Amino acid sequence: MDTTAGGTDRTPASPGGEARPGRARPDSAAPRHGDVYVVPGDGTVHVFREHGDGEAAPGGGADRADRDRADRDRADRDRAAPDEVVLDGRGLEPAELVRIADGAAVPVVPPEAYERAHRSWRAADRLAAAGRLYGRGTGVGAHRSVPVDAEDEAAHGLRLLRSHAGGAGAVLPVRQIRALLAVRANQLLAGGSGIQPAFVTALTEALRLGVHPAVNEYGGLGTGDLTALAQTGLTLIGERPWHRDRKTAAPAELPAPVVPRPGDALALLSSNALTLAQAALACHDLDVLLRATHAVAALSLAAVSGSLEAYAPEVHALRPYPGVARAAAEVRRLLDAPGPAPWPGRRIQDPFGFRAFPQAHGPALDAAEALRRIVGTEVNCPSENPLIAPDGTAAHHHGGFYAAPVGLALDALNLAVLQTAQLSAARLTALGRPDLTDLPAFLAGGPASSSGTMILEYTAHSALAELRHCAAPASAGHAVLSHGMEEAASFASQAARQTLRAVDAYGTVLACELVTAVRALRLRPDPPAVRAFTVADAALPTGLEDRPLTADVTAATELLRTLAEI
């Protein structure tokens, strides 16, 4: 429900339930006790009620009201169609965020979530009238003590948006920008920003209509994605153009421009929405590759007649790390050897690439899960500074925008992915060694001088070098900004971009190993009758003659998503 000016007109419903014509109230108006609204888009009828202090409630005590709202939130989530994702400021999952980013789902907002945002907006107005709020009645950063006259607050906010829209570098992909819009809308629905809810309506409408602002890559340091959100804000108020998500799409309907009010600018800017969006997408994509790695490593183990002794349940029960145990169990499952009896190999001990795979890969699984939890927390929390208290009685100035938890989790994941990628490259090298496979050197099929898969070692190590760059901890950075007022930064923004780059690099390393493992198994007289090999054998190009292998690596890269689901 849009309860503010600048968004969709609110149409009061007749007592019989049918909408009757209405017009938008002036900017300063607020819904009154007993007003009945039809929520745009889904026809839901909602009655607005409030106590004497202006706080909305369905009646009864606050605890019961909160329980009732929580019940309705859950019911709305349960009723959501497969192509819809509920944004309510409380329950957005990273996987749901990815669906919105990919255009596979559109957001829906329950009335209760709009109410929460509306209460925060009204509370911010009351608090601003009683005392000066940072960024609304003052300047920002080094100008934090410079007062802003009450009659200049709206113009001050507009200047803030314009002056902070200074991003540079490449324009970001649509997928990342859609994720940014969804994160920011959901955070605002958590109810701590004090922004007018018309901004939430415009953000969700942009996602529904398939349009987005242009956002440049550089501008954030993990202390708020100021430039990205300023560019977004100027688009929301109509000063910058919208762009269609798909260039082939017909001209799109556009969100109605929002008329900014005092306090809206900083409330919109005060978030790491872009960093969180990129972190969620990178975590999702790496998770796919990490799951696919189980199948690729299993095929390589079979290709060298490696031992499953290092994967035995008894081994991992004694050192109960969840990711390590999961990696070992997945390899056993994919090779149809789930039981306790080890699969005997040709050697008493295999090289580290095979024998230490669970120990190297498991931490990457754990790091991805840790990042997923942190992102899930951040996208459902108000992060704005100042933060409007849930009961509307105070505004807290704080440092919740300092994204150290996100940056450190991203750095940890990048380091963990490097560890498992290095063993992938080691297995690739092992697959070309006749002493380990009893097959021709580099799995060549022609004369003795043939190169076979030799070049894939170079390709894999080239991508591995990129991964090493990505694994350099961004959190070790340092910056002093705004006349020394901001003397540190988390650099979570840089860590997120490094993780996005790591996705492509790791996928390339893994694809090179997959091409080589499948070729080795094809050369064996008794390849394993397991689904992972059957699928890969059918999908990858055949032929042992020396030839360009780019198409093989490309096909293997595309196959990884399928292998992740086996």
Protein backbone atom coordinates (compact mmCIF):
# COMPACT_ATOMS: atom_id res chain seq x y z
CA MET A 1 0.00 0.00 0.00
CA ASP A 2 1.44 3.38 -0.97
CA THR A 3 0.45 5.73 1.81
CA THR A 4 2.36 8.76 0.59
CA ALA A 5 2.26 11.40 -2.05
CA GLY A 6 4.59 10.88 -4.93
CA GLY A 7 3.44 7.29 -5.44
CA THR A 8 0.26 5.66 -6.73
CA ASP A 9 -2.94 7.47 -5.79
CA ARG A 10 -4.69 5.96 -2.82
CA THR A 11 -8.26 5.04 -3.68
CA PRO A 12 -10.63 4.75 -0.73
CA ALA A 13 -13.00 1.82 -0.98
CA SER A 14 -16.73 2.04 -0.58
CA PRO A 15 -18.40 0.22 2.33
CA GLY A 16 -19.45 -2.48 -0.14
CA GLY A 17 -15.82 -3.24 -0.94
CA GLU A 18 -15.66 -1.72 -4.44
CA ALA A 19 -13.15 1.03 -5.11
CA ARG A 20 -14.67 4.45 -5.51
CA PRO A 21 -12.92 7.32 -7.28
CA GLY A 22 -10.45 9.22 -5.17
CA ARG A 23 -7.55 11.60 -5.52
CA ALA A 24 -4.12 11.77 -3.91
CA ARG A 25 -3.89 13.80 -0.77
CA PRO A 26 -1.40 16.68 -0.58
CA ASP A 27 2.21 15.81 0.17
CA SER A 28 1.82 16.55 3.84
CA ALA A 29 -1.29 14.42 4.35
CA ALA A 30 -1.26 11.08 6.11
CA PRO A 31 -3.89 8.31 6.23
CA ARG A 32 -6.53 8.71 8.91
CA HIS A 33 -7.94 6.19 11.35
CA GLY A 34 -10.55 4.09 9.60
CA ASP A 35 -9.44 4.83 6.02
CA VAL A 36 -10.00 1.85 3.74
CA TYR A 37 -7.65 1.27 0.81
CA VAL A 38 -7.38 -1.09 -2.09
CA VAL A 39 -3.72 -2.08 -2.39
CA PRO A 40 -2.51 -1.40 -5.96
CA GLY A 41 -1.79 -4.49 -7.97
CA ASP A 42 -3.54 -7.17 -5.93
CA GLY A 43 -6.85 -5.64 -4.90
CA THR A 44 -6.28 -6.34 -1.20
CA VAL A 45 -8.60 -4.26 0.97
CA HIS A 46 -6.89 -2.79 4.01
CA VAL A 47 -8.23 -0.74 6.92
CA PHE A 48 -5.81 1.73 8.45
CA ARG A 49 -6.13 2.08 12.23
CA GLU A 50 -4.03 4.02 14.69
CA HIS A 51 -3.77 4.72 18.38
CA GLY A 52 -3.83 8.20 19.81
CA ASP A 53 -0.08 8.57 19.40
CA GLY A 54 -0.36 8.07 15.67
CA GLU A 55 1.14 4.57 15.60
CA ALA A 56 -0.74 2.18 13.36
CA ALA A 57 -2.16 -0.96 14.92
CA PRO A 58 -4.98 -3.39 14.18
CA GLY A 59 -6.37 -2.95 17.68
CA GLY A 60 -5.41 -4.46 21.03
CA GLY A 61 -2.02 -4.42 22.68
CA ALA A 62 1.27 -3.90 20.89
CA ASP A 63 2.42 -7.48 21.45
CA ARG A 64 -0.74 -8.88 19.92
CA ALA A 65 -0.50 -6.43 17.03
CA ASP A 66 3.06 -7.54 16.33
CA ARG A 67 2.02 -11.20 16.44
CA ASP A 68 -0.92 -10.55 14.13
CA ARG A 69 1.28 -8.71 11.67
CA ALA A 70 3.87 -11.49 11.77
CA ASP A 71 1.15 -14.05 11.09
CA ARG A 72 -0.13 -12.06 8.15
CA ASP A 73 3.42 -11.61 6.83
CA ARG A 74 3.91 -15.38 6.88
CA ALA A 75 0.53 -15.95 5.24
CA ASP A 76 1.39 -13.50 2.48
CA ARG A 77 4.68 -15.30 1.91
CA ASP A 78 2.92 -18.67 1.77
CA ARG A 79 0.36 -17.38 -0.71
CA ALA A 80 2.97 -15.87 -3.03
CA ALA A 81 2.83 -17.31 -6.52
CA PRO A 82 5.94 -19.05 -7.92
CA ASP A 83 6.81 -15.93 -9.93
CA GLU A 84 6.50 -13.60 -6.97
CA VAL A 85 8.82 -12.85 -4.06
CA VAL A 86 7.50 -11.15 -0.95
CA LEU A 87 9.46 -8.11 0.21
CA ASP A 88 8.50 -7.33 3.80
CA GLY A 89 11.75 -6.16 5.39
CA ARG A 90 12.05 -9.34 7.43
CA GLY A 91 12.10 -12.57 5.44
CA LEU A 92 13.93 -12.03 2.13
CA GLU A 93 16.23 -14.97 1.40
CA PRO A 94 19.36 -14.51 -0.74
CA ALA A 95 18.05 -17.13 -3.19
CA GLU A 96 14.84 -15.09 -3.60
CA LEU A 97 16.91 -11.98 -4.21
CA VAL A 98 18.73 -13.80 -7.01
CA ARG A 99 15.40 -14.73 -8.62
CA ILE A 100 14.38 -11.07 -8.69
CA ALA A 101 17.78 -10.07 -10.06
CA ASP A 102 17.52 -12.64 -12.84
CA GLY A 103 14.02 -11.49 -13.78
CA ALA A 104 12.54 -14.83 -12.74
CA ALA A 105 10.31 -13.21 -10.11
CA VAL A 106 8.73 -9.87 -9.31
CA PRO A 107 8.37 -8.37 -5.85
CA VAL A 108 5.12 -8.04 -3.91
CA VAL A 109 4.81 -6.03 -0.71
CA PRO A 110 2.26 -6.88 1.99
CA PRO A 111 0.29 -3.95 3.44
CA GLU A 112 1.80 -4.55 6.88
CA ALA A 113 5.28 -3.86 5.52
CA TYR A 114 4.13 -0.58 4.00
CA GLU A 115 2.57 0.32 7.35
CA ARG A 116 5.89 -0.26 9.09
CA ALA A 117 7.69 2.02 6.64
CA HIS A 118 4.94 4.62 7.00
CA ARG A 119 5.21 4.64 10.79
CA SER A 120 8.95 5.19 10.51
CA TRP A 121 8.39 8.11 8.12
CA ARG A 122 5.90 9.78 10.46
CA ALA A 123 8.17 9.18 13.44
CA ALA A 124 11.10 10.82 11.62
CA ASP A 125 8.97 13.89 10.95
CA ARG A 126 8.05 14.13 14.64
CA LEU A 127 11.63 13.66 15.78
CA ALA A 128 12.92 16.24 13.30
CA ALA A 129 10.39 18.75 14.59
CA ALA A 130 11.63 18.15 18.15
CA GLY A 131 15.35 18.31 17.43
CA ARG A 132 17.94 18.34 14.66
CA LEU A 133 18.64 15.07 12.82
CA TYR A 134 21.95 14.39 11.08
CA GLY A 135 21.75 14.79 7.32
CA ARG A 136 18.34 16.44 7.50
CA GLY A 137 18.92 19.40 9.80
CA THR A 138 22.71 19.28 9.26
CA GLY A 139 25.22 18.72 6.54
CA VAL A 140 26.94 15.34 6.17
CA GLY A 141 30.46 14.02 6.71
CA ALA A 142 32.82 16.85 7.58
CA HIS A 143 29.79 19.20 7.46
CA ARG A 144 27.99 17.27 10.18
CA SER A 145 27.91 20.33 12.45
CA VAL A 146 26.76 22.78 9.76
CA PRO A 147 23.09 23.54 10.44
CA VAL A 148 20.43 23.45 7.73
CA ASP A 149 17.45 25.76 8.12
CA ALA A 150 14.09 24.00 8.30
CA GLU A 151 12.82 25.74 5.18
CA ASP A 152 15.92 24.56 3.29
CA GLU A 153 15.74 20.88 4.28
CA ALA A 154 14.02 19.69 1.07
CA ALA A 155 16.45 21.61 -1.15
CA HIS A 156 19.35 20.37 0.98
CA GLY A 157 18.28 16.78 0.31
CA LEU A 158 18.12 17.42 -3.41
CA ARG A 159 21.60 18.93 -3.36
CA LEU A 160 22.79 15.89 -1.43
CA LEU A 161 21.52 13.50 -4.11
CA ARG A 162 22.98 15.55 -6.93
CA SER A 163 26.37 16.07 -5.32
CA HIS A 164 26.80 12.42 -4.36
CA ALA A 165 25.90 11.04 -7.81
CA GLY A 166 29.58 10.99 -8.75
CA GLY A 167 30.15 7.33 -9.56
CA ALA A 168 32.59 6.38 -12.31
CA GLY A 169 33.77 3.40 -14.27
CA ALA A 170 31.76 0.88 -16.22
CA VAL A 171 27.98 0.82 -16.00
CA LEU A 172 26.98 -2.24 -13.98
CA PRO A 173 25.11 -5.21 -15.48
CA VAL A 174 21.32 -5.18 -15.22
CA ARG A 175 21.37 -8.20 -12.92
CA GLN A 176 23.38 -6.37 -10.27
CA ILE A 177 21.23 -3.23 -10.48
CA ARG A 178 17.99 -5.19 -10.12
CA ALA A 179 19.43 -6.87 -7.05
CA LEU A 180 20.38 -3.45 -5.66
CA LEU A 181 16.81 -2.17 -6.13
CA ALA A 182 15.36 -5.22 -4.37
CA VAL A 183 17.79 -5.01 -1.44
CA ARG A 184 17.13 -1.32 -0.90
CA ALA A 185 13.37 -1.72 -1.07
CA ASN A 186 13.45 -4.57 1.43
CA GLN A 187 15.71 -2.68 3.84
CA LEU A 188 13.42 0.35 3.74
CA LEU A 189 10.47 -1.92 4.53
CA ALA A 190 12.27 -2.97 7.72
CA GLY A 191 11.12 0.37 9.08
CA GLY A 192 14.14 2.26 10.38
CA SER A 193 14.89 4.78 7.66
CA GLY A 194 12.26 7.47 8.08
CA ILE A 195 11.92 7.75 4.29
CA GLN A 196 8.56 8.35 2.66
CA PRO A 197 7.19 5.01 1.43
CA ALA A 198 6.69 6.36 -2.08
CA PHE A 199 10.35 5.50 -2.65
CA VAL A 200 9.61 1.86 -1.81
CA THR A 201 6.71 1.89 -4.26
CA ALA A 202 8.90 3.32 -7.00
CA LEU A 203 11.69 0.79 -6.37
CA THR A 204 9.34 -2.18 -6.53
CA GLU A 205 7.51 -0.75 -9.55
CA ALA A 206 10.82 -0.47 -11.41
CA LEU A 207 11.47 -4.16 -10.76
CA ARG A 208 7.95 -5.09 -11.84
CA LEU A 209 8.09 -2.95 -14.99
CA GLY A 210 11.55 -4.14 -16.03
CA VAL A 211 13.40 -0.82 -15.89
CA HIS A 212 16.49 0.26 -13.99
CA PRO A 213 18.79 3.25 -13.41
CA ALA A 214 22.30 3.37 -14.82
CA VAL A 215 24.77 2.80 -11.98
CA ASN A 216 28.54 3.06 -12.30
CA GLU A 217 30.99 0.62 -10.79
CA TYR A 218 33.21 2.82 -8.62
CA GLY A 219 32.13 4.92 -5.66
CA GLY A 220 31.73 2.75 -2.55
CA LEU A 221 34.24 1.72 0.11
CA GLY A 222 32.06 -0.47 2.31
CA THR A 223 30.73 2.46 4.35
CA GLY A 224 27.62 3.04 2.25
CA ASP A 225 27.10 2.78 -1.51
CA LEU A 226 26.61 6.53 -1.74
CA THR A 227 27.21 7.10 -5.44
CA ALA A 228 25.17 4.11 -6.59
CA LEU A 229 22.21 5.09 -4.43
CA ALA A 230 22.47 8.77 -5.35
CA GLN A 231 22.28 7.80 -9.03
CA THR A 232 19.32 5.59 -8.18
CA GLY A 233 17.67 8.39 -6.21
CA LEU A 234 17.97 10.90 -9.05
CA THR A 235 16.33 8.36 -11.34
CA LEU A 236 13.52 7.76 -8.85
CA ILE A 237 12.74 11.49 -8.68
CA GLY A 238 12.85 11.88 -12.46
CA GLU A 239 16.17 13.69 -12.99
CA ARG A 240 17.92 10.75 -14.68
CA PRO A 241 16.45 8.39 -17.28
CA TRP A 242 15.25 4.83 -16.74
CA HIS A 243 16.70 2.07 -18.91
CA ARG A 244 14.91 -1.08 -20.05
CA ASP A 245 16.20 -4.34 -18.58
CA ARG A 246 16.03 -5.96 -22.03
CA LYS A 247 16.99 -3.83 -25.03
CA THR A 248 14.63 -5.81 -27.23
CA ALA A 249 11.66 -5.08 -24.99
CA ALA A 250 8.90 -2.73 -26.04
CA PRO A 251 8.92 0.79 -24.57
CA ALA A 252 8.11 0.34 -20.92
CA GLU A 253 5.74 2.03 -18.55
CA LEU A 254 7.79 3.94 -15.99
CA PRO A 255 7.47 4.41 -12.24
CA ALA A 256 5.89 7.72 -11.27
CA PRO A 257 8.55 10.22 -10.19
CA VAL A 258 8.76 10.65 -6.43
CA VAL A 259 8.62 14.17 -4.99
CA PRO A 260 11.45 14.23 -2.42
CA ARG A 261 10.68 15.50 1.06
CA PRO A 262 12.97 16.56 3.91
CA GLY A 263 15.09 13.67 5.16
CA ASP A 264 14.52 11.41 2.15
CA ALA A 265 17.94 11.84 0.57
CA LEU A 266 20.17 10.59 3.36
CA ALA A 267 17.62 7.91 4.28
CA LEU A 268 17.96 6.51 0.75
CA LEU A 269 21.75 6.82 0.57
CA SER A 270 22.54 5.26 3.94
CA SER A 271 22.95 1.63 2.86
CA ASN A 272 25.36 -0.89 1.36
CA ALA A 273 22.65 -2.16 -0.98
CA LEU A 274 24.91 -2.54 -4.01
CA THR A 275 27.60 -4.37 -2.06
CA LEU A 276 24.99 -6.71 -0.59
CA ALA A 277 23.45 -7.26 -4.02
CA GLN A 278 26.81 -8.18 -5.51
CA ALA A 279 27.68 -10.37 -2.53
CA ALA A 280 24.40 -12.27 -2.83
CA LEU A 281 24.86 -12.87 -6.57
CA ALA A 282 28.50 -13.91 -6.21
CA CYS A 283 27.68 -16.23 -3.31
CA HIS A 284 24.90 -17.86 -5.30
CA ASP A 285 27.05 -18.36 -8.39
CA LEU A 286 30.01 -19.68 -6.42
CA ASP A 287 27.71 -22.05 -4.58
CA VAL A 288 26.73 -23.57 -7.92
CA LEU A 289 30.39 -24.05 -8.83
CA LEU A 290 31.28 -25.45 -5.42
CA ARG A 291 28.54 -28.06 -5.74
CA ALA A 292 29.64 -28.89 -9.28
CA THR A 293 33.18 -29.38 -7.97
CA HIS A 294 32.06 -32.52 -6.16
CA ALA A 295 31.18 -34.16 -9.47
CA VAL A 296 34.32 -32.95 -11.24
CA ALA A 297 36.60 -34.11 -8.43
CA ALA A 298 34.81 -37.48 -8.31
CA LEU A 299 35.39 -38.02 -12.04
CA SER A 300 39.06 -37.11 -11.69
CA LEU A 301 39.43 -39.52 -8.78
CA ALA A 302 37.93 -42.29 -10.87
CA ALA A 303 40.15 -41.39 -13.83
CA VAL A 304 43.35 -41.98 -11.80
CA SER A 305 41.91 -45.03 -9.99
CA GLY A 306 42.23 -43.11 -6.76
CA SER A 307 41.34 -44.39 -3.33
CA LEU A 308 38.14 -43.51 -1.44
CA GLU A 309 39.88 -44.24 1.84
CA ALA A 310 40.47 -40.50 2.32
CA TYR A 311 36.71 -39.99 1.95
CA ALA A 312 35.61 -42.68 4.41
CA PRO A 313 32.89 -41.62 6.89
CA GLU A 314 35.01 -42.89 9.78
CA VAL A 315 37.77 -40.43 8.92
CA HIS A 316 35.47 -37.42 8.93
CA ALA A 317 33.48 -38.45 11.98
CA LEU A 318 36.65 -37.95 14.01
CA ARG A 319 37.11 -34.35 12.76
CA PRO A 320 33.53 -33.13 12.43
CA TYR A 321 33.86 -30.06 10.23
CA PRO A 322 30.52 -29.74 8.38
CA GLY A 323 31.91 -28.66 5.02
CA VAL A 324 34.71 -31.22 4.99
CA ALA A 325 32.33 -34.06 5.86
CA ARG A 326 29.88 -32.87 3.21
CA ALA A 327 32.57 -32.75 0.51
CA ALA A 328 33.67 -36.30 1.31
CA ALA A 329 30.11 -37.59 1.42
CA GLU A 330 29.24 -36.00 -1.91
CA VAL A 331 32.18 -37.64 -3.69
CA ARG A 332 31.21 -41.01 -2.23
CA ARG A 333 27.60 -40.49 -3.31
CA LEU A 334 28.51 -39.43 -6.83
CA LEU A 335 30.72 -42.53 -7.24
CA ASP A 336 27.97 -44.80 -5.88
CA ALA A 337 30.10 -45.67 -2.84
CA PRO A 338 28.10 -44.31 0.10
CA GLY A 339 28.96 -47.07 2.58
CA PRO A 340 31.81 -47.29 5.07
CA ALA A 341 33.98 -49.71 3.07
CA PRO A 342 36.73 -47.73 1.29
CA TRP A 343 37.15 -48.05 -2.46
CA PRO A 344 40.68 -49.46 -2.88
CA GLY A 345 42.98 -47.49 -5.16
CA ARG A 346 46.15 -48.23 -7.07
CA ARG A 347 48.40 -46.40 -4.59
CA ILE A 348 48.73 -46.46 -0.84
CA GLN A 349 48.36 -42.67 -0.94
CA ASP A 350 47.16 -40.40 -3.73
CA PRO A 351 48.54 -36.91 -4.42
CA PHE A 352 47.09 -34.06 -2.37
CA GLY A 353 44.73 -33.03 -5.16
CA PHE A 354 42.77 -36.21 -4.52
CA ARG A 355 43.60 -37.17 -0.94
CA ALA A 356 43.15 -33.71 0.61
CA PHE A 357 40.16 -32.65 -1.47
CA PRO A 358 37.64 -32.75 1.40
CA GLN A 359 39.93 -30.72 3.65
CA ALA A 360 40.52 -28.06 0.97
CA HIS A 361 37.01 -27.91 -0.43
CA GLY A 362 35.04 -28.14 2.79
CA PRO A 363 36.12 -24.71 4.08
CA ALA A 364 34.87 -23.14 0.85
CA LEU A 365 31.44 -24.71 1.45
CA ASP A 366 31.47 -23.38 5.02
CA ALA A 367 32.61 -19.92 3.89
CA ALA A 368 29.82 -19.73 1.32
CA GLU A 369 27.28 -20.68 3.98
CA ALA A 370 28.69 -18.07 6.38
CA LEU A 371 28.43 -15.35 3.72
CA ARG A 372 24.88 -16.45 2.89
CA ARG A 373 23.87 -16.04 6.55
CA ILE A 374 25.42 -12.59 6.79
CA VAL A 375 23.82 -11.37 3.58
CA GLY A 376 20.49 -12.78 4.74
CA THR A 377 20.82 -10.76 7.94
CA GLU A 378 21.89 -7.52 6.26
CA VAL A 379 19.19 -7.40 3.58
CA ASN A 380 16.49 -7.70 6.26
CA CYS A 381 17.85 -5.06 8.64
CA PRO A 382 17.54 -1.29 8.70
CA SER A 383 21.03 0.15 8.35
CA GLU A 384 20.27 3.84 8.00
CA ASN A 385 22.06 6.54 9.98
CA PRO A 386 20.28 7.98 11.86
CA LEU A 387 18.16 4.93 12.66
CA ILE A 388 14.55 5.54 13.68
CA ALA A 389 13.67 3.37 16.67
CA PRO A 390 10.87 0.83 16.10
CA ASP A 391 8.65 2.59 18.65
CA GLY A 392 9.30 5.96 17.03
CA THR A 393 10.62 7.57 20.20
CA ALA A 394 14.26 8.12 19.23
CA ALA A 395 16.70 8.47 16.38
CA HIS A 396 20.01 6.69 16.94
CA HIS A 397 23.22 7.91 15.29
CA HIS A 398 25.42 4.85 14.79
CA GLY A 399 27.91 3.03 12.56
CA GLY A 400 25.80 0.18 11.21
CA PHE A 401 26.73 1.19 7.67
CA TYR A 402 30.31 -0.01 8.32
CA ALA A 403 30.15 -3.30 6.43
CA ALA A 404 33.01 -5.20 8.07
CA PRO A 405 30.98 -8.41 8.58
CA VAL A 406 30.21 -8.56 4.86
CA GLY A 407 33.72 -7.64 3.73
CA LEU A 408 35.44 -10.14 5.99
CA ALA A 409 33.06 -12.92 4.93
CA LEU A 410 33.72 -12.13 1.26
CA ASP A 411 37.47 -12.15 1.82
CA ALA A 412 37.21 -15.49 3.61
CA LEU A 413 35.23 -17.00 0.74
CA ASN A 414 37.71 -15.76 -1.85
CA LEU A 415 40.61 -17.29 0.07
CA ALA A 416 38.75 -20.56 0.53
CA VAL A 417 37.86 -20.77 -3.17
CA LEU A 418 41.52 -20.24 -4.04
CA GLN A 419 42.44 -23.22 -1.87
CA THR A 420 40.10 -25.61 -3.64
CA ALA A 421 40.90 -24.14 -7.08
CA GLN A 422 44.59 -24.86 -6.54
CA LEU A 423 43.78 -28.53 -5.98
CA SER A 424 41.61 -28.52 -9.11
CA ALA A 425 44.62 -27.35 -11.11
CA ALA A 426 46.74 -30.00 -9.39
CA ARG A 427 44.28 -32.74 -10.40
CA LEU A 428 44.32 -31.42 -13.97
CA THR A 429 48.10 -31.80 -14.04
CA ALA A 430 47.89 -35.28 -12.53
CA LEU A 431 45.44 -36.40 -15.24
CA GLY A 432 48.11 -35.75 -17.88
CA ARG A 433 50.73 -37.94 -16.15
CA PRO A 434 51.10 -41.49 -17.51
CA ASP A 435 52.55 -42.72 -14.20
CA LEU A 436 49.26 -41.89 -12.48
CA THR A 437 46.78 -42.85 -15.20
CA ASP A 438 48.51 -45.51 -17.38
CA LEU A 439 47.28 -43.38 -20.28
CA PRO A 440 49.20 -41.38 -22.92
CA ALA A 441 50.87 -38.19 -21.77
CA PHE A 442 48.41 -35.29 -21.79
CA LEU A 443 45.76 -37.79 -22.96
CA ALA A 444 46.83 -37.31 -26.55
CA GLY A 445 45.45 -39.62 -29.22
CA GLY A 446 47.87 -39.02 -32.11
CA PRO A 447 51.62 -39.42 -32.60
CA ALA A 448 53.87 -39.40 -29.54
CA SER A 449 54.60 -35.71 -30.04
CA SER A 450 50.91 -34.75 -29.83
CA SER A 451 50.00 -32.17 -27.18
CA GLY A 452 46.54 -33.42 -26.21
CA THR A 453 45.26 -31.44 -23.23
CA MET A 454 48.64 -29.83 -22.43
CA ILE A 455 47.42 -26.28 -23.07
CA LEU A 456 44.61 -26.59 -20.56
CA GLU A 457 47.17 -26.46 -17.76
CA TYR A 458 48.18 -23.02 -18.99
CA THR A 459 44.58 -21.86 -19.30
CA ALA A 460 43.73 -23.13 -15.83
CA HIS A 461 46.77 -21.51 -14.23
CA SER A 462 46.02 -18.24 -16.01
CA ALA A 463 42.57 -18.24 -14.38
CA LEU A 464 44.16 -19.37 -11.12
CA ALA A 465 46.42 -16.31 -11.20
CA GLU A 466 43.30 -14.14 -11.42
CA LEU A 467 41.88 -15.98 -8.44
CA ARG A 468 45.00 -15.17 -6.44
CA HIS A 469 44.45 -11.49 -7.17
CA CYS A 470 40.84 -11.84 -6.05
CA ALA A 471 41.93 -13.54 -2.83
CA ALA A 472 44.08 -10.62 -1.67
CA PRO A 473 42.04 -9.42 1.33
CA ALA A 474 40.24 -6.21 0.46
CA SER A 475 39.64 -5.68 4.17
CA ALA A 476 43.33 -4.84 4.56
CA GLY A 477 42.73 -1.55 2.73
CA HIS A 478 42.82 1.85 4.39
CA ALA A 479 41.38 5.27 3.64
CA VAL A 480 40.90 8.56 5.50
CA LEU A 481 38.05 10.65 4.11
CA SER A 482 36.04 13.82 4.59
CA HIS A 483 38.62 15.89 6.51
CA GLY A 484 39.46 12.91 8.70
CA MET A 485 35.91 12.49 9.98
CA GLU A 486 35.83 9.01 8.41
CA GLU A 487 39.21 7.55 9.22
CA ALA A 488 38.61 3.94 8.13
CA ALA A 489 36.57 1.87 5.68
CA SER A 490 35.60 -1.80 5.47
CA PHE A 491 36.26 -2.10 1.71
CA ALA A 492 33.41 -4.60 1.46
CA SER A 493 32.54 -3.04 -1.92
CA GLN A 494 35.95 -4.03 -3.28
CA ALA A 495 35.64 -7.51 -1.76
CA ALA A 496 32.29 -7.99 -3.49
CA ARG A 497 33.72 -7.07 -6.88
CA GLN A 498 36.65 -9.44 -6.30
CA THR A 499 34.22 -12.25 -5.50
CA LEU A 500 32.28 -11.59 -8.69
CA ARG A 501 35.52 -11.87 -10.67
CA ALA A 502 36.38 -15.05 -8.78
CA VAL A 503 33.24 -16.71 -10.15
CA ASP A 504 34.45 -16.62 -13.75
CA ALA A 505 38.02 -17.53 -12.85
CA TYR A 506 37.05 -20.51 -10.72
CA GLY A 507 34.57 -21.70 -13.32
CA THR A 508 37.36 -21.72 -15.91
CA VAL A 509 39.74 -23.73 -13.71
CA LEU A 510 37.00 -26.24 -12.99
CA ALA A 511 35.95 -26.52 -16.65
CA CYS A 512 39.53 -27.30 -17.68
CA GLU A 513 39.66 -30.11 -15.13
CA LEU A 514 36.29 -31.45 -16.28
CA VAL A 515 37.33 -31.60 -19.94
CA THR A 516 40.49 -33.47 -18.97
CA ALA A 517 38.78 -35.88 -16.57
CA VAL A 518 36.14 -36.86 -19.12
CA ARG A 519 38.76 -37.43 -21.80
CA ALA A 520 40.76 -39.65 -19.41
CA LEU A 521 37.69 -41.71 -18.54
CA ARG A 522 36.83 -42.12 -22.22
CA LEU A 523 40.29 -43.61 -22.74
CA ARG A 524 39.80 -46.16 -19.98
CA PRO A 525 38.32 -49.54 -20.85
CA ASP A 526 36.02 -49.47 -17.83
CA PRO A 527 34.69 -45.93 -17.16
CA PRO A 528 32.43 -45.71 -14.10
CA ALA A 529 28.74 -46.20 -14.70
CA VAL A 530 27.77 -43.12 -12.71
CA ARG A 531 25.39 -40.37 -13.71
CA ALA A 532 27.97 -37.58 -13.57
CA PHE A 533 30.08 -39.30 -16.23
CA THR A 534 27.08 -40.24 -18.35
CA VAL A 535 25.90 -36.63 -18.44
CA ALA A 536 29.35 -35.16 -19.08
CA ASP A 537 30.23 -37.76 -21.71
CA ALA A 538 27.09 -36.92 -23.65
CA ALA A 539 27.57 -33.15 -23.42
CA LEU A 540 31.25 -32.61 -24.18
CA PRO A 541 32.87 -32.76 -27.64
CA THR A 542 34.62 -35.99 -28.59
CA GLY A 543 37.80 -36.65 -30.52
CA LEU A 544 41.37 -37.14 -29.32
CA GLU A 545 43.20 -35.44 -32.18
CA ASP A 546 45.07 -32.21 -31.52
CA ARG A 547 42.52 -29.45 -32.07
CA PRO A 548 41.37 -26.17 -30.49
CA LEU A 549 39.87 -26.86 -27.08
CA THR A 550 38.08 -23.55 -26.49
CA ALA A 551 34.74 -25.08 -27.47
CA ASP A 552 35.34 -27.94 -25.05
CA VAL A 553 36.03 -25.57 -22.15
CA THR A 554 32.99 -23.47 -23.07
CA ALA A 555 30.76 -26.54 -23.14
CA ALA A 556 32.21 -27.73 -19.83
CA THR A 557 31.58 -24.33 -18.25
CA GLU A 558 27.93 -24.47 -19.28
CA LEU A 559 27.69 -28.05 -18.00
CA LEU A 560 28.79 -27.15 -14.48
CA ARG A 561 25.32 -25.90 -13.51
CA THR A 562 23.85 -29.26 -14.53
CA LEU A 563 26.48 -31.19 -12.59
CA ALA A 564 25.74 -29.09 -9.51
CA GLU A 565 22.20 -30.50 -9.47
CA ILE A 566 23.12 -34.18 -9.78
